[in-house]
């Protein structure tokens, strides 16, 4: 499942996306989709539930609960973690800021160590 499913960013807007714990960044919707595909490759059954949300005209904030099974290689900075077939469950926070300057700022926060501990 792709985080783009819950944020509604028109494709013509400039994007400043950052996945904080992995330091991956994107400047367009297609690049965010590529980052999501890497996670889907490692966790083909990945899914999330929205636990809490707060949305107004300029900001949105979502607390997400992710679950999935590690069935493919997980890319990390210095290589990859081969599939373990272990299930993971972790929370994340996704914050989106829609200022008036036609640029959308998106930050995705989660604890990578929690994921790694479940794969060990």
PDB file of N, CA and C in Angstrom:
ATOM      1  N   UNK A   1       0.849  -1.169   0.000  1.00  0.00           N
ATOM      2  CA  UNK A   1       0.000   0.000   0.000  1.00  0.00           C
ATOM      3  C   UNK A   1       0.893   1.230   0.000  1.00  0.00           C
ATOM      4  N   UNK A   2       0.463   2.233  -0.661  1.00  0.00           N
ATOM      5  CA  UNK A   2       1.252   3.432  -0.905  1.00  0.00           C
ATOM      6  C   UNK A   2       0.727   4.585  -0.056  1.00  0.00           C
ATOM      7  N   UNK A   3       1.638   5.361   0.555  1.00  0.00           N
ATOM      8  CA  UNK A   3       1.173   6.499   1.357  1.00  0.00           C
ATOM      9  C   UNK A   3       0.487   7.555   0.507  1.00  0.00           C
ATOM     10  N   UNK A   4       0.715   7.507  -0.792  1.00  0.00           N
ATOM     11  CA  UNK A   4       0.029   8.449  -1.673  1.00  0.00           C
ATOM     12  C   UNK A   4      -1.476   8.226  -1.668  1.00  0.00           C
ATOM     13  N   UNK A   5      -1.901   7.062  -1.173  1.00  0.00           N
ATOM     14  CA  UNK A   5      -3.332   6.771  -1.094  1.00  0.00           C
ATOM     15  C   UNK A   5      -4.060   7.650  -0.084  1.00  0.00           C
ATOM     16  N   UNK A   6      -3.328   8.205   0.899  1.00  0.00           N
ATOM     17  CA  UNK A   6      -4.027   9.012   1.895  1.00  0.00           C
ATOM     18  C   UNK A   6      -3.759  10.505   1.742  1.00  0.00           C
ATOM     19  N   UNK A   7      -2.711  10.873   1.022  1.00  0.00           N
ATOM     20  CA  UNK A   7      -2.482  12.300   0.803  1.00  0.00           C
ATOM     21  C   UNK A   7      -2.942  12.646  -0.595  1.00  0.00           C
ATOM     22  N   UNK A   8      -3.553  13.776  -0.711  1.00  0.00           N
ATOM     23  CA  UNK A   8      -4.128  14.173  -1.991  1.00  0.00           C
ATOM     24  C   UNK A   8      -3.328  15.355  -2.549  1.00  0.00           C
ATOM     25  N   UNK A   9      -2.245  15.039  -3.257  1.00  0.00           N
ATOM     26  CA  UNK A   9      -1.384  16.079  -3.817  1.00  0.00           C
ATOM     27  C   UNK A   9      -1.544  16.054  -5.338  1.00  0.00           C
ATOM     28  N   UNK A  10      -2.046  17.133  -5.908  1.00  0.00           N
ATOM     29  CA  UNK A  10      -2.141  17.183  -7.378  1.00  0.00           C
ATOM     30  C   UNK A  10      -0.759  17.044  -8.017  1.00  0.00           C
ATOM     31  N   UNK A  11      -0.678  16.315  -9.115  1.00  0.00           N
ATOM     32  CA  UNK A  11       0.616  16.027  -9.750  1.00  0.00           C
ATOM     33  C   UNK A  11       1.349  17.266 -10.221  1.00  0.00           C
ATOM     34  N   UNK A  12       0.657  18.372 -10.463  1.00  0.00           N
ATOM     35  CA  UNK A  12       1.317  19.574 -10.966  1.00  0.00           C
ATOM     36  C   UNK A  12       2.042  20.355  -9.865  1.00  0.00           C
ATOM     37  N   UNK A  13       1.781  20.032  -8.592  1.00  0.00           N
ATOM     38  CA  UNK A  13       2.430  20.755  -7.507  1.00  0.00           C
ATOM     39  C   UNK A  13       3.840  20.229  -7.247  1.00  0.00           C
ATOM     40  N   UNK A  14       4.719  21.128  -6.891  1.00  0.00           N
ATOM     41  CA  UNK A  14       6.071  20.743  -6.486  1.00  0.00           C
ATOM     42  C   UNK A  14       5.980  20.088  -5.112  1.00  0.00           C
ATOM     43  N   UNK A  15       6.809  19.070  -4.883  1.00  0.00           N
ATOM     44  CA  UNK A  15       6.767  18.301  -3.642  1.00  0.00           C
ATOM     45  C   UNK A  15       8.144  18.311  -2.990  1.00  0.00           C
ATOM     46  N   UNK A  16       8.141  18.404  -1.678  1.00  0.00           N
ATOM     47  CA  UNK A  16       9.362  18.256  -0.881  1.00  0.00           C
ATOM     48  C   UNK A  16       9.070  17.164   0.132  1.00  0.00           C
ATOM     49  N   UNK A  17       9.434  15.921  -0.219  1.00  0.00           N
ATOM     50  CA  UNK A  17       9.147  14.745   0.605  1.00  0.00           C
ATOM     51  C   UNK A  17      10.430  14.278   1.268  1.00  0.00           C
ATOM     52  N   UNK A  18      10.315  13.883   2.540  1.00  0.00           N
ATOM     53  CA  UNK A  18      11.459  13.277   3.213  1.00  0.00           C
ATOM     54  C   UNK A  18      10.984  12.168   4.136  1.00  0.00           C
ATOM     55  N   UNK A  19      11.621  11.019   3.998  1.00  0.00           N
ATOM     56  CA  UNK A  19      11.419   9.896   4.901  1.00  0.00           C
ATOM     57  C   UNK A  19      12.561  10.023   5.909  1.00  0.00           C
ATOM     58  N   UNK A  20      12.269  10.558   7.071  1.00  0.00           N
ATOM     59  CA  UNK A  20      13.286  11.046   7.994  1.00  0.00           C
ATOM     60  C   UNK A  20      14.285   9.960   8.406  1.00  0.00           C
ATOM     61  N   UNK A  21      13.834   8.798   8.822  1.00  0.00           N
ATOM     62  CA  UNK A  21      14.766   7.790   9.363  1.00  0.00           C
ATOM     63  C   UNK A  21      15.678   7.185   8.299  1.00  0.00           C
ATOM     64  N   UNK A  22      15.259   7.178   7.056  1.00  0.00           N
ATOM     65  CA  UNK A  22      16.105   6.620   5.990  1.00  0.00           C
ATOM     66  C   UNK A  22      16.838   7.709   5.217  1.00  0.00           C
ATOM     67  N   UNK A  23      16.470   8.953   5.449  1.00  0.00           N
ATOM     68  CA  UNK A  23      17.035  10.115   4.769  1.00  0.00           C
ATOM     69  C   UNK A  23      16.758  10.108   3.265  1.00  0.00           C
ATOM     70  N   UNK A  24      15.741   9.362   2.851  1.00  0.00           N
ATOM     71  CA  UNK A  24      15.359   9.377   1.433  1.00  0.00           C
ATOM     72  C   UNK A  24      14.478  10.585   1.175  1.00  0.00           C
ATOM     73  N   UNK A  25      14.706  11.214   0.023  1.00  0.00           N
ATOM     74  CA  UNK A  25      13.980  12.431  -0.331  1.00  0.00           C
ATOM     75  C   UNK A  25      13.414  12.298  -1.735  1.00  0.00           C
ATOM     76  N   UNK A  26      12.375  13.075  -1.980  1.00  0.00           N
ATOM     77  CA  UNK A  26      11.754  13.093  -3.305  1.00  0.00           C
ATOM     78  C   UNK A  26      11.264  14.499  -3.591  1.00  0.00           C
ATOM     79  N   UNK A  27      11.274  14.846  -4.881  1.00  0.00           N
ATOM     80  CA  UNK A  27      10.813  16.178  -5.263  1.00  0.00           C
ATOM     81  C   UNK A  27       9.621  16.141  -6.210  1.00  0.00           C
ATOM     82  N   UNK A  28       9.052  14.938  -6.405  1.00  0.00           N
ATOM     83  CA  UNK A  28       7.856  14.819  -7.235  1.00  0.00           C
ATOM     84  C   UNK A  28       7.092  13.563  -6.823  1.00  0.00           C
ATOM     85  N   UNK A  29       5.847  13.494  -7.240  1.00  0.00           N
ATOM     86  CA  UNK A  29       4.982  12.364  -6.892  1.00  0.00           C
ATOM     87  C   UNK A  29       5.581  11.042  -7.390  1.00  0.00           C
ATOM     88  N   UNK A  30       6.144  11.017  -8.585  1.00  0.00           N
ATOM     89  CA  UNK A  30       6.732   9.786  -9.125  1.00  0.00           C
ATOM     90  C   UNK A  30       7.883   9.284  -8.264  1.00  0.00           C
ATOM     91  N   UNK A  31       8.680  10.197  -7.723  1.00  0.00           N
ATOM     92  CA  UNK A  31       9.796   9.796  -6.856  1.00  0.00           C
ATOM     93  C   UNK A  31       9.290   9.217  -5.543  1.00  0.00           C
ATOM     94  N   UNK A  32       8.220   9.790  -4.996  1.00  0.00           N
ATOM     95  CA  UNK A  32       7.622   9.225  -3.779  1.00  0.00           C
ATOM     96  C   UNK A  32       7.113   7.823  -4.071  1.00  0.00           C
ATOM     97  N   UNK A  33       6.515   7.647  -5.223  1.00  0.00           N
ATOM     98  CA  UNK A  33       6.012   6.338  -5.623  1.00  0.00           C
ATOM     99  C   UNK A  33       7.153   5.317  -5.721  1.00  0.00           C
ATOM    100  N   UNK A  34       8.307   5.740  -6.210  1.00  0.00           N
ATOM    101  CA  UNK A  34       9.471   4.849  -6.305  1.00  0.00           C
ATOM    102  C   UNK A  34       9.942   4.409  -4.926  1.00  0.00           C
ATOM    103  N   UNK A  35       9.953   5.344  -3.970  1.00  0.00           N
ATOM    104  CA  UNK A  35      10.334   4.997  -2.597  1.00  0.00           C
ATOM    105  C   UNK A  35       9.341   3.986  -2.030  1.00  0.00           C
ATOM    106  N   UNK A  36       8.059   4.209  -2.262  1.00  0.00           N
ATOM    107  CA  UNK A  36       7.039   3.277  -1.783  1.00  0.00           C
ATOM    108  C   UNK A  36       7.217   1.895  -2.403  1.00  0.00           C
ATOM    109  N   UNK A  37       7.592   1.856  -3.680  1.00  0.00           N
ATOM    110  CA  UNK A  37       7.778   0.563  -4.362  1.00  0.00           C
ATOM    111  C   UNK A  37       8.906  -0.241  -3.737  1.00  0.00           C
ATOM    112  N   UNK A  38       9.951   0.430  -3.224  1.00  0.00           N
ATOM    113  CA  UNK A  38      11.033  -0.281  -2.544  1.00  0.00           C
ATOM    114  C   UNK A  38      10.512  -0.990  -1.298  1.00  0.00           C
ATOM    115  N   UNK A  39       9.640  -0.317  -0.540  1.00  0.00           N
ATOM    116  CA  UNK A  39       9.041  -0.937   0.638  1.00  0.00           C
ATOM    117  C   UNK A  39       8.115  -2.085   0.236  1.00  0.00           C
ATOM    118  N   UNK A  40       7.347  -1.885  -0.825  1.00  0.00           N
ATOM    119  CA  UNK A  40       6.423  -2.920  -1.287  1.00  0.00           C
ATOM    120  C   UNK A  40       7.182  -4.142  -1.788  1.00  0.00           C
ATOM    121  N   UNK A  41       8.351  -3.924  -2.396  1.00  0.00           N
ATOM    122  CA  UNK A  41       9.175  -5.050  -2.846  1.00  0.00           C
ATOM    123  C   UNK A  41       9.630  -5.895  -1.652  1.00  0.00           C
ATOM    124  N   UNK A  42       9.999  -5.237  -0.552  1.00  0.00           N
ATOM    125  CA  UNK A  42      10.452  -5.963   0.639  1.00  0.00           C
ATOM    126  C   UNK A  42       9.283  -6.550   1.434  1.00  0.00           C
ATOM    127  N   UNK A  43       8.144  -5.852   1.420  1.00  0.00           N
ATOM    128  CA  UNK A  43       6.956  -6.264   2.179  1.00  0.00           C
ATOM    129  C   UNK A  43       5.746  -6.237   1.242  1.00  0.00           C
ATOM    130  N   UNK A  44       5.603  -7.245   0.363  1.00  0.00           N
ATOM    131  CA  UNK A  44       4.539  -7.208  -0.646  1.00  0.00           C
ATOM    132  C   UNK A  44       3.125  -7.103  -0.076  1.00  0.00           C
ATOM    133  N   UNK A  45       2.935  -7.566   1.149  1.00  0.00           N
ATOM    134  CA  UNK A  45       1.597  -7.512   1.752  1.00  0.00           C
ATOM    135  C   UNK A  45       1.450  -6.328   2.718  1.00  0.00           C
ATOM    136  N   UNK A  46       2.346  -5.358   2.629  1.00  0.00           N
ATOM    137  CA  UNK A  46       2.315  -4.210   3.552  1.00  0.00           C
ATOM    138  C   UNK A  46       0.963  -3.513   3.483  1.00  0.00           C
ATOM    139  N   UNK A  47       0.495  -3.130   4.641  1.00  0.00           N
ATOM    140  CA  UNK A  47      -0.795  -2.468   4.740  1.00  0.00           C
ATOM    141  C   UNK A  47      -0.752  -1.524   5.928  1.00  0.00           C
ATOM    142  N   UNK A  48      -1.548  -0.488   5.887  1.00  0.00           N
ATOM    143  CA  UNK A  48      -1.621   0.397   7.034  1.00  0.00           C
ATOM    144  C   UNK A  48      -3.061   0.728   7.357  1.00  0.00           C
ATOM    145  N   UNK A  49      -3.260   1.057   8.618  1.00  0.00           N
ATOM    146  CA  UNK A  49      -4.532   1.581   9.097  1.00  0.00           C
ATOM    147  C   UNK A  49      -4.269   2.958   9.669  1.00  0.00           C
ATOM    148  N   UNK A  50      -5.167   3.874   9.427  1.00  0.00           N
ATOM    149  CA  UNK A  50      -5.077   5.206  10.008  1.00  0.00           C
ATOM    150  C   UNK A  50      -5.662   5.125  11.416  1.00  0.00           C
ATOM    151  N   UNK A  51      -4.805   5.357  12.416  1.00  0.00           N
ATOM    152  CA  UNK A  51      -5.250   5.307  13.803  1.00  0.00           C
ATOM    153  C   UNK A  51      -5.827   6.644  14.253  1.00  0.00           C
ATOM    154  N   UNK A  52      -5.183   7.715  13.821  1.00  0.00           N
ATOM    155  CA  UNK A  52      -5.627   9.065  14.168  1.00  0.00           C
ATOM    156  C   UNK A  52      -5.309   9.986  13.005  1.00  0.00           C
ATOM    157  N   UNK A  53      -6.112  11.011  12.854  1.00  0.00           N
ATOM    158  CA  UNK A  53      -5.840  11.990  11.811  1.00  0.00           C
ATOM    159  C   UNK A  53      -6.359  13.348  12.228  1.00  0.00           C
ATOM    160  N   UNK A  54      -5.656  14.354  11.729  1.00  0.00           N
ATOM    161  CA  UNK A  54      -6.075  15.727  11.932  1.00  0.00           C
ATOM    162  C   UNK A  54      -5.797  16.459  10.623  1.00  0.00           C
ATOM    163  N   UNK A  55      -6.837  17.045  10.052  1.00  0.00           N
ATOM    164  CA  UNK A  55      -6.702  17.669   8.737  1.00  0.00           C
ATOM    165  C   UNK A  55      -7.368  19.034   8.768  1.00  0.00           C
ATOM    166  N   UNK A  56      -6.667  20.027   8.226  1.00  0.00           N
ATOM    167  CA  UNK A  56      -7.293  21.322   7.991  1.00  0.00           C
ATOM    168  C   UNK A  56      -6.831  21.816   6.626  1.00  0.00           C
ATOM    169  N   UNK A  57      -7.065  23.062   6.307  1.00  0.00           N
ATOM    170  CA  UNK A  57      -6.775  23.544   4.951  1.00  0.00           C
ATOM    171  C   UNK A  57      -5.280  23.590   4.617  1.00  0.00           C
ATOM    172  N   UNK A  58      -4.410  23.693   5.620  1.00  0.00           N
ATOM    173  CA  UNK A  58      -2.971  23.813   5.342  1.00  0.00           C
ATOM    174  C   UNK A  58      -2.130  22.633   5.825  1.00  0.00           C
ATOM    175  N   UNK A  59      -2.650  21.837   6.739  1.00  0.00           N
ATOM    176  CA  UNK A  59      -1.877  20.740   7.315  1.00  0.00           C
ATOM    177  C   UNK A  59      -2.720  19.476   7.394  1.00  0.00           C
ATOM    178  N   UNK A  60      -2.026  18.344   7.316  1.00  0.00           N
ATOM    179  CA  UNK A  60      -2.649  17.071   7.670  1.00  0.00           C
ATOM    180  C   UNK A  60      -1.630  16.271   8.461  1.00  0.00           C
ATOM    181  N   UNK A  61      -2.117  15.526   9.422  1.00  0.00           N
ATOM    182  CA  UNK A  61      -1.250  14.694  10.246  1.00  0.00           C
ATOM    183  C   UNK A  61      -1.962  13.357  10.451  1.00  0.00           C
ATOM    184  N   UNK A  62      -1.253  12.280  10.152  1.00  0.00           N
ATOM    185  CA  UNK A  62      -1.824  10.940  10.264  1.00  0.00           C
ATOM    186  C   UNK A  62      -0.928  10.073  11.131  1.00  0.00           C
ATOM    187  N   UNK A  63      -1.527   9.353  12.068  1.00  0.00           N
ATOM    188  CA  UNK A  63      -0.824   8.300  12.790  1.00  0.00           C
ATOM    189  C   UNK A  63      -1.221   7.001  12.125  1.00  0.00           C
ATOM    190  N   UNK A  64      -0.229   6.248  11.649  1.00  0.00           N
ATOM    191  CA  UNK A  64      -0.481   5.034  10.874  1.00  0.00           C
ATOM    192  C   UNK A  64       0.058   3.818  11.612  1.00  0.00           C
ATOM    193  N   UNK A  65      -0.627   2.696  11.480  1.00  0.00           N
ATOM    194  CA  UNK A  65      -0.142   1.413  11.980  1.00  0.00           C
ATOM    195  C   UNK A  65       0.089   0.513  10.766  1.00  0.00           C
ATOM    196  N   UNK A  66       1.342   0.145  10.551  1.00  0.00           N
ATOM    197  CA  UNK A  66       1.747  -0.664   9.402  1.00  0.00           C
ATOM    198  C   UNK A  66       1.921  -2.121   9.827  1.00  0.00           C
ATOM    199  N   UNK A  67       1.522  -3.048   8.965  1.00  0.00           N
ATOM    200  CA  UNK A  67       1.770  -4.472   9.171  1.00  0.00           C
ATOM    201  C   UNK A  67       2.171  -5.081   7.834  1.00  0.00           C
ATOM    202  N   UNK A  68       3.039  -6.072   7.901  1.00  0.00           N
ATOM    203  CA  UNK A  68       3.458  -6.740   6.673  1.00  0.00           C
ATOM    204  C   UNK A  68       4.421  -7.868   6.973  1.00  0.00           C
ATOM    205  N   UNK A  69       4.747  -8.629   5.934  1.00  0.00           N
ATOM    206  CA  UNK A  69       5.663  -9.753   6.045  1.00  0.00           C
ATOM    207  C   UNK A  69       6.869  -9.488   5.154  1.00  0.00           C
ATOM    208  N   UNK A  70       8.050  -9.657   5.713  1.00  0.00           N
ATOM    209  CA  UNK A  70       9.303  -9.387   5.004  1.00  0.00           C
ATOM    210  C   UNK A  70       9.587 -10.532   4.020  1.00  0.00           C
ATOM    211  N   UNK A  71       9.153 -10.342   2.768  1.00  0.00           N
ATOM    212  CA  UNK A  71       9.248 -11.399   1.754  1.00  0.00           C
ATOM    213  C   UNK A  71      10.195 -11.054   0.612  1.00  0.00           C
ATOM    214  N   UNK A  72      10.927  -9.954   0.732  1.00  0.00           N
ATOM    215  CA  UNK A  72      11.874  -9.556  -0.307  1.00  0.00           C
ATOM    216  C   UNK A  72      13.013  -8.780   0.318  1.00  0.00           C
ATOM    217  N   UNK A  73      14.069  -8.546  -0.456  1.00  0.00           N
ATOM    218  CA  UNK A  73      15.223  -7.821   0.057  1.00  0.00           C
ATOM    219  C   UNK A  73      14.834  -6.401   0.455  1.00  0.00           C
ATOM    220  N   UNK A  74      15.308  -5.977   1.629  1.00  0.00           N
ATOM    221  CA  UNK A  74      15.056  -4.626   2.137  1.00  0.00           C
ATOM    222  C   UNK A  74      16.332  -3.814   1.965  1.00  0.00           C
ATOM    223  N   UNK A  75      16.282  -2.804   1.111  1.00  0.00           N
ATOM    224  CA  UNK A  75      17.440  -1.951   0.864  1.00  0.00           C
ATOM    225  C   UNK A  75      17.742  -1.106   2.089  1.00  0.00           C
ATOM    226  N   UNK A  76      19.032  -1.085   2.467  1.00  0.00           N
ATOM    227  CA  UNK A  76      19.510  -0.209   3.527  1.00  0.00           C
ATOM    228  C   UNK A  76      20.745   0.515   2.998  1.00  0.00           C
ATOM    229  N   UNK A  77      21.241   1.463   3.759  1.00  0.00           N
ATOM    230  CA  UNK A  77      22.319   2.332   3.288  1.00  0.00           C
ATOM    231  C   UNK A  77      23.510   1.556   2.739  1.00  0.00           C
ATOM    232  N   UNK A  78      23.954   0.533   3.431  1.00  0.00           N
ATOM    233  CA  UNK A  78      25.169  -0.178   3.013  1.00  0.00           C
ATOM    234  C   UNK A  78      24.887  -1.583   2.478  1.00  0.00           C
ATOM    235  N   UNK A  79      23.741  -1.775   1.846  1.00  0.00           N
ATOM    236  CA  UNK A  79      23.426  -3.080   1.266  1.00  0.00           C
ATOM    237  C   UNK A  79      21.939  -3.386   1.344  1.00  0.00           C
ATOM    238  N   UNK A  80      21.648  -4.569   1.855  1.00  0.00           N
ATOM    239  CA  UNK A  80      20.250  -4.970   1.978  1.00  0.00           C
ATOM    240  C   UNK A  80      20.116  -6.035   3.058  1.00  0.00           C
ATOM    241  N   UNK A  81      18.899  -6.213   3.531  1.00  0.00           N
ATOM    242  CA  UNK A  81      18.560  -7.291   4.457  1.00  0.00           C
ATOM    243  C   UNK A  81      17.768  -8.315   3.656  1.00  0.00           C
ATOM    244  N   UNK A  82      18.307  -9.548   3.514  1.00  0.00           N
ATOM    245  CA  UNK A  82      17.567 -10.562   2.754  1.00  0.00           C
ATOM    246  C   UNK A  82      16.263 -10.933   3.462  1.00  0.00           C
ATOM    247  N   UNK A  83      15.321 -11.416   2.677  1.00  0.00           N
ATOM    248  CA  UNK A  83      14.002 -11.733   3.234  1.00  0.00           C
ATOM    249  C   UNK A  83      14.116 -12.687   4.418  1.00  0.00           C
ATOM    250  N   UNK A  84      13.266 -12.448   5.401  1.00  0.00           N
ATOM    251  CA  UNK A  84      13.241 -13.271   6.607  1.00  0.00           C
ATOM    252  C   UNK A  84      11.913 -14.006   6.769  1.00  0.00           C
ATOM    253  N   UNK A  85      10.918 -13.601   6.022  1.00  0.00           N
ATOM    254  CA  UNK A  85       9.553 -14.112   6.146  1.00  0.00           C
ATOM    255  C   UNK A  85       8.943 -13.840   7.517  1.00  0.00           C
ATOM    256  N   UNK A  86       9.501 -12.850   8.224  1.00  0.00           N
ATOM    257  CA  UNK A  86       8.960 -12.465   9.524  1.00  0.00           C
ATOM    258  C   UNK A  86       7.958 -11.325   9.346  1.00  0.00           C
ATOM    259  N   UNK A  87       6.971 -11.319  10.234  1.00  0.00           N
ATOM    260  CA  UNK A  87       5.964 -10.260  10.224  1.00  0.00           C
ATOM    261  C   UNK A  87       6.483  -9.059  11.006  1.00  0.00           C
ATOM    262  N   UNK A  88       6.120  -7.870  10.540  1.00  0.00           N
ATOM    263  CA  UNK A  88       6.463  -6.638  11.247  1.00  0.00           C
ATOM    264  C   UNK A  88       5.188  -5.848  11.512  1.00  0.00           C
ATOM    265  N   UNK A  89       5.281  -5.034  12.560  1.00  0.00           N
ATOM    266  CA  UNK A  89       4.184  -4.150  12.935  1.00  0.00           C
ATOM    267  C   UNK A  89       4.833  -2.914  13.544  1.00  0.00           C
ATOM    268  N   UNK A  90       4.529  -1.736  12.972  1.00  0.00           N
ATOM    269  CA  UNK A  90       5.131  -0.508  13.490  1.00  0.00           C
ATOM    270  C   UNK A  90       4.222   0.673  13.186  1.00  0.00           C
ATOM    271  N   UNK A  91       4.432   1.722  13.937  1.00  0.00           N
ATOM    272  CA  UNK A  91       3.661   2.947  13.764  1.00  0.00           C
ATOM    273  C   UNK A  91       4.499   3.993  13.049  1.00  0.00           C
ATOM    274  N   UNK A  92       3.804   4.908  12.408  1.00  0.00           N
ATOM    275  CA  UNK A  92       4.482   6.042  11.795  1.00  0.00           C
ATOM    276  C   UNK A  92       3.583   7.267  11.875  1.00  0.00           C
ATOM    277  N   UNK A  93       4.193   8.412  11.620  1.00  0.00           N
ATOM    278  CA  UNK A  93       3.456   9.664  11.546  1.00  0.00           C
ATOM    279  C   UNK A  93       3.777  10.304  10.203  1.00  0.00           C
ATOM    280  N   UNK A  94       2.750  10.712   9.507  1.00  0.00           N
ATOM    281  CA  UNK A  94       2.887  11.374   8.209  1.00  0.00           C
ATOM    282  C   UNK A  94       2.294  12.772   8.332  1.00  0.00           C
ATOM    283  N   UNK A  95       3.134  13.767   8.071  1.00  0.00           N
ATOM    284  CA  UNK A  95       2.700  15.164   8.171  1.00  0.00           C
ATOM    285  C   UNK A  95       2.821  15.804   6.801  1.00  0.00           C
ATOM    286  N   UNK A  96       1.768  16.474   6.397  1.00  0.00           N
ATOM    287  CA  UNK A  96       1.744  17.162   5.108  1.00  0.00           C
ATOM    288  C   UNK A  96       1.387  18.620   5.349  1.00  0.00           C
ATOM    289  N   UNK A  97       2.156  19.502   4.713  1.00  0.00           N
ATOM    290  CA  UNK A  97       1.917  20.942   4.817  1.00  0.00           C
ATOM    291  C   UNK A  97       1.651  21.478   3.415  1.00  0.00           C
ATOM    292  N   UNK A  98       0.507  22.117   3.260  1.00  0.00           N
ATOM    293  CA  UNK A  98       0.103  22.695   1.986  1.00  0.00           C
ATOM    294  C   UNK A  98       0.108  24.220   2.100  1.00  0.00           C
ATOM    295  N   UNK A  99       1.279  24.866   2.007  1.00  0.00           N
ATOM    296  CA  UNK A  99       1.277  26.335   2.072  1.00  0.00           C
ATOM    297  C   UNK A  99       0.733  26.922   0.771  1.00  0.00           C
ATOM    298  N   UNK A 100       0.651  28.210   0.723  1.00  0.00           N
ATOM    299  CA  UNK A 100       0.064  28.879  -0.441  1.00  0.00           C
ATOM    300  C   UNK A 100       1.036  29.039  -1.611  1.00  0.00           C
ATOM    301  N   UNK A 101       2.235  28.496  -1.526  1.00  0.00           N
ATOM    302  CA  UNK A 101       3.238  28.729  -2.576  1.00  0.00           C
ATOM    303  C   UNK A 101       3.312  27.606  -3.621  1.00  0.00           C
ATOM    304  N   UNK A 102       2.296  26.772  -3.720  1.00  0.00           N
ATOM    305  CA  UNK A 102       2.235  25.681  -4.700  1.00  0.00           C
ATOM    306  C   UNK A 102       3.302  24.613  -4.495  1.00  0.00           C
ATOM    307  N   UNK A 103       3.816  24.495  -3.296  1.00  0.00           N
ATOM    308  CA  UNK A 103       4.753  23.437  -2.956  1.00  0.00           C
ATOM    309  C   UNK A 103       4.182  22.693  -1.759  1.00  0.00           C
ATOM    310  N   UNK A 104       4.218  21.372  -1.805  1.00  0.00           N
ATOM    311  CA  UNK A 104       3.702  20.554  -0.721  1.00  0.00           C
ATOM    312  C   UNK A 104       4.870  19.919   0.026  1.00  0.00           C
ATOM    313  N   UNK A 105       4.881  20.075   1.336  1.00  0.00           N
ATOM    314  CA  UNK A 105       5.930  19.503   2.183  1.00  0.00           C
ATOM    315  C   UNK A 105       5.369  18.276   2.889  1.00  0.00           C
ATOM    316  N   UNK A 106       6.065  17.146   2.747  1.00  0.00           N
ATOM    317  CA  UNK A 106       5.599  15.891   3.335  1.00  0.00           C
ATOM    318  C   UNK A 106       6.761  15.290   4.126  1.00  0.00           C
ATOM    319  N   UNK A 107       6.495  14.949   5.383  1.00  0.00           N
ATOM    320  CA  UNK A 107       7.490  14.302   6.228  1.00  0.00           C
ATOM    321  C   UNK A 107       6.886  13.009   6.765  1.00  0.00           C
ATOM    322  N   UNK A 108       7.674  11.932   6.662  1.00  0.00           N
ATOM    323  CA  UNK A 108       7.223  10.629   7.151  1.00  0.00           C
ATOM    324  C   UNK A 108       8.208  10.181   8.229  1.00  0.00           C
ATOM    325  N   UNK A 109       7.698  10.017   9.452  1.00  0.00           N
ATOM    326  CA  UNK A 109       8.518   9.654  10.607  1.00  0.00           C
ATOM    327  C   UNK A 109       8.160   8.256  11.073  1.00  0.00           C
ATOM    328  N   UNK A 110       9.184   7.404  11.257  1.00  0.00           N
ATOM    329  CA  UNK A 110       8.976   6.109  11.889  1.00  0.00           C
ATOM    330  C   UNK A 110      10.303   5.612  12.434  1.00  0.00           C
ATOM    331  N   UNK A 111      10.228   4.616  13.287  1.00  0.00           N
ATOM    332  CA  UNK A 111      11.396   4.087  13.984  1.00  0.00           C
ATOM    333  C   UNK A 111      11.915   2.853  13.240  1.00  0.00           C
ATOM    334  N   UNK A 112      13.003   3.029  12.520  1.00  0.00           N
ATOM    335  CA  UNK A 112      13.577   1.930  11.738  1.00  0.00           C
ATOM    336  C   UNK A 112      14.109   0.808  12.633  1.00  0.00           C
ATOM    337  N   UNK A 113      14.595   1.149  13.821  1.00  0.00           N
ATOM    338  CA  UNK A 113      15.112   0.135  14.742  1.00  0.00           C
ATOM    339  C   UNK A 113      14.006  -0.832  15.154  1.00  0.00           C
ATOM    340  N   UNK A 114      12.788  -0.340  15.322  1.00  0.00           N
ATOM    341  CA  UNK A 114      11.658  -1.218  15.649  1.00  0.00           C
ATOM    342  C   UNK A 114      11.467  -2.257  14.553  1.00  0.00           C
ATOM    343  N   UNK A 115      11.597  -1.845  13.305  1.00  0.00           N
ATOM    344  CA  UNK A 115      11.477  -2.784  12.183  1.00  0.00           C
ATOM    345  C   UNK A 115      12.628  -3.778  12.199  1.00  0.00           C
ATOM    346  N   UNK A 116      13.863  -3.276  12.346  1.00  0.00           N
ATOM    347  CA  UNK A 116      15.041  -4.140  12.359  1.00  0.00           C
ATOM    348  C   UNK A 116      14.958  -5.164  13.490  1.00  0.00           C
ATOM    349  N   UNK A 117      14.518  -4.747  14.674  1.00  0.00           N
ATOM    350  CA  UNK A 117      14.394  -5.676  15.808  1.00  0.00           C
ATOM    351  C   UNK A 117      13.443  -6.826  15.492  1.00  0.00           C
ATOM    352  N   UNK A 118      12.374  -6.531  14.761  1.00  0.00           N
ATOM    353  CA  UNK A 118      11.410  -7.578  14.419  1.00  0.00           C
ATOM    354  C   UNK A 118      11.928  -8.518  13.330  1.00  0.00           C
ATOM    355  N   UNK A 119      12.902  -8.059  12.566  1.00  0.00           N
ATOM    356  CA  UNK A 119      13.478  -8.910  11.507  1.00  0.00           C
ATOM    357  C   UNK A 119      14.634  -9.763  12.004  1.00  0.00           C
ATOM    358  N   UNK A 120      15.165  -9.430  13.181  1.00  0.00           N
ATOM    359  CA  UNK A 120      16.345 -10.151  13.713  1.00  0.00           C
ATOM    360  C   UNK A 120      15.975 -11.544  14.173  1.00  0.00           C
TER     361      UNK A 120
END
